[in-house]
Amino acid sequence: MTEQLFLIAHIAGRGVAIDSAQVESVVDIGHVTPTPRVARHIRGLAALRSRVVTVIDTHAALGMPPLGIAGSRAVITVIDGHHYAVLVDSLEDVAPFAASPLPSGIALDGGWRAAGCGQIERDGEPILAIDLTALIHGPTNEAVTVN
């Protein structure tokens, strides 16, 4: 297996690995302006380095109650030409890991099932690799309106 760089983060108390190819940068998000008539997982819009980004509440995107804090750490990603700030609880490090498919028999709940795309192993412990695109699209049972 070939190693690639992953950003290790925490979302809803769970360690996750994000392929560095999906990461443009990591930032602190300040004020978020709520946007009317959008899907529940879209927190709103924020100004970031002379551009506007859509802020994604990862908890809501995973089908959980929305994140209760105003600003947070975020992973900036570009999907279909649009910039998104995907909120995370915390960030750890970037390191090389070999990714593998999720083993059969692994049962992931709700939004984790849609977001999970594999796993890495760090110090003998498996960490779920996630696809940020799934978080951008939000829960599968909810209509999504973005930018």
Protein backbone atom coordinates (compact mmCIF):
# COMPACT_ATOMS: atom_id res chain seq x y z
CA MET A 1 0.00 0.00 0.00
CA THR A 2 1.17 3.50 -0.84
CA GLU A 3 1.23 6.08 1.90
CA GLN A 4 -0.41 9.46 1.46
CA LEU A 5 -0.81 12.45 3.75
CA PHE A 6 -3.86 12.66 5.99
CA LEU A 7 -5.03 15.40 8.32
CA ILE A 8 -6.13 13.92 11.63
CA ALA A 9 -9.12 15.75 13.14
CA HIS A 10 -11.92 15.15 15.63
CA ILE A 11 -15.59 15.42 14.78
CA ALA A 12 -18.31 14.63 17.32
CA GLY A 13 -15.74 13.09 19.63
CA ARG A 14 -14.41 10.72 16.96
CA GLY A 15 -10.96 10.78 15.41
CA VAL A 16 -11.10 11.01 11.62
CA ALA A 17 -8.58 11.10 8.80
CA ILE A 18 -9.02 13.53 5.89
CA ASP A 19 -7.03 12.99 2.71
CA SER A 20 -4.75 16.02 2.34
CA ALA A 21 -5.74 16.25 -1.33
CA GLN A 22 -9.13 17.53 -0.08
CA VAL A 23 -7.55 20.11 2.24
CA GLU A 24 -6.74 23.57 0.91
CA SER A 25 -6.01 25.02 4.36
CA VAL A 26 -6.96 24.95 8.03
CA VAL A 27 -8.37 28.13 9.58
CA ASP A 28 -10.21 29.60 12.52
CA ILE A 29 -13.69 30.69 11.46
CA GLY A 30 -15.00 33.78 13.21
CA HIS A 31 -18.35 35.36 12.49
CA VAL A 32 -20.74 33.26 10.41
CA THR A 33 -23.68 35.03 8.78
CA PRO A 34 -26.75 32.77 8.81
CA THR A 35 -28.26 32.13 5.39
CA PRO A 36 -32.04 31.74 5.07
CA ARG A 37 -33.70 28.78 3.37
CA VAL A 38 -30.70 26.46 3.19
CA ALA A 39 -30.26 22.92 4.42
CA ARG A 40 -29.82 22.51 8.19
CA HIS A 41 -26.16 21.47 7.88
CA ILE A 42 -25.21 24.78 6.24
CA ARG A 43 -24.30 27.09 9.11
CA GLY A 44 -24.07 30.15 6.83
CA LEU A 45 -21.42 32.22 5.09
CA ALA A 46 -18.12 33.59 6.34
CA ALA A 47 -15.50 35.94 4.94
CA LEU A 48 -12.12 34.34 4.53
CA ARG A 49 -9.15 36.00 2.86
CA SER A 50 -11.17 38.20 0.51
CA ARG A 51 -13.63 35.47 -0.45
CA VAL A 52 -16.86 34.09 0.89
CA VAL A 53 -17.02 30.47 2.03
CA THR A 54 -20.02 28.30 2.86
CA VAL A 55 -19.68 27.03 6.42
CA ILE A 56 -20.68 23.40 6.98
CA ASP A 57 -21.80 22.20 10.42
CA THR A 58 -20.34 18.69 10.44
CA HIS A 59 -22.52 17.53 13.32
CA ALA A 60 -25.68 18.42 11.39
CA ALA A 61 -24.19 16.98 8.17
CA LEU A 62 -23.79 13.68 10.00
CA GLY A 63 -27.43 13.75 11.13
CA MET A 64 -26.70 14.84 14.72
CA PRO A 65 -27.86 17.98 16.52
CA PRO A 66 -26.06 21.06 15.14
CA LEU A 67 -22.79 22.18 16.69
CA GLY A 68 -23.58 24.64 19.46
CA ILE A 69 -20.64 27.02 19.16
CA ALA A 70 -20.38 30.24 17.15
CA GLY A 71 -16.94 29.85 15.58
CA SER A 72 -14.51 27.03 15.30
CA ARG A 73 -11.60 25.41 13.57
CA ALA A 74 -12.37 24.51 9.99
CA VAL A 75 -10.89 22.65 7.09
CA ILE A 76 -11.15 24.63 3.85
CA THR A 77 -11.92 22.50 0.83
CA VAL A 78 -12.91 23.19 -2.76
CA ILE A 79 -15.71 21.06 -4.20
CA ASP A 80 -16.99 21.71 -7.73
CA GLY A 81 -15.24 25.10 -7.78
CA HIS A 82 -16.82 26.34 -4.51
CA HIS A 83 -14.97 26.96 -1.24
CA TYR A 84 -16.34 25.39 1.92
CA ALA A 85 -15.30 25.65 5.55
CA VAL A 86 -15.99 22.27 7.18
CA LEU A 87 -16.13 22.75 10.94
CA VAL A 88 -14.19 20.31 13.11
CA ASP A 89 -14.00 19.95 16.88
CA SER A 90 -10.20 19.91 16.89
CA LEU A 91 -7.16 19.20 14.74
CA GLU A 92 -4.12 17.12 15.54
CA ASP A 93 -1.53 16.64 12.85
CA VAL A 94 -0.75 15.82 9.24
CA ALA A 95 1.12 12.57 8.70
CA PRO A 96 1.60 9.87 6.06
CA PHE A 97 -0.55 6.75 6.35
CA ALA A 98 -1.54 3.86 4.13
CA ALA A 99 -5.30 3.89 3.61
CA SER A 100 -7.32 0.72 3.26
CA PRO A 101 -10.98 0.02 2.50
CA LEU A 102 -13.37 -0.32 5.40
CA PRO A 103 -13.45 -3.94 6.54
CA SER A 104 -16.68 -5.79 5.78
CA GLY A 105 -18.89 -6.09 8.80
CA ILE A 106 -18.13 -2.57 10.04
CA ALA A 107 -21.44 -0.91 10.87
CA LEU A 108 -21.36 2.87 10.73
CA ASP A 109 -24.34 4.89 11.93
CA GLY A 110 -26.24 7.42 9.81
CA GLY A 111 -24.08 10.12 8.27
CA TRP A 112 -20.87 8.31 9.20
CA ARG A 113 -21.88 5.60 6.70
CA ALA A 114 -22.07 8.17 3.89
CA ALA A 115 -18.88 10.01 4.93
CA GLY A 116 -16.69 6.97 5.66
CA CYS A 117 -14.50 6.02 2.72
CA GLY A 118 -11.81 3.85 4.32
CA GLN A 119 -9.52 3.67 7.29
CA ILE A 120 -5.98 4.26 8.36
CA GLU A 121 -4.14 2.78 11.29
CA ARG A 122 -2.24 4.91 13.79
CA ASP A 123 -0.36 3.27 16.63
CA GLY A 124 -2.39 0.09 16.13
CA GLU A 125 -5.74 1.90 16.31
CA PRO A 126 -8.05 2.23 13.30
CA ILE A 127 -9.19 5.74 12.35
CA LEU A 128 -12.07 6.34 9.98
CA ALA A 129 -11.09 8.10 6.75
CA ILE A 130 -13.83 10.46 5.59
CA ASP A 131 -14.75 12.14 2.33
CA LEU A 132 -15.47 15.86 2.81
CA THR A 133 -17.76 15.81 -0.24
CA ALA A 134 -20.26 13.71 1.71
CA LEU A 135 -20.30 16.31 4.49
CA ILE A 136 -20.86 19.11 1.97
CA HIS A 137 -23.89 17.28 0.60
CA GLY A 138 -25.23 16.67 4.12
CA PRO A 139 -27.71 14.07 5.29
CA THR A 140 -29.09 11.95 2.48
CA ASN A 141 -32.69 12.48 3.60
CA GLU A 142 -32.51 16.27 3.31
CA ALA A 143 -32.65 18.52 0.27
CA VAL A 144 -29.51 20.61 -0.09
CA THR A 145 -29.12 24.14 -1.38
CA VAL A 146 -25.57 25.51 -1.61
CA ASN A 147 -23.96 28.67 -2.97
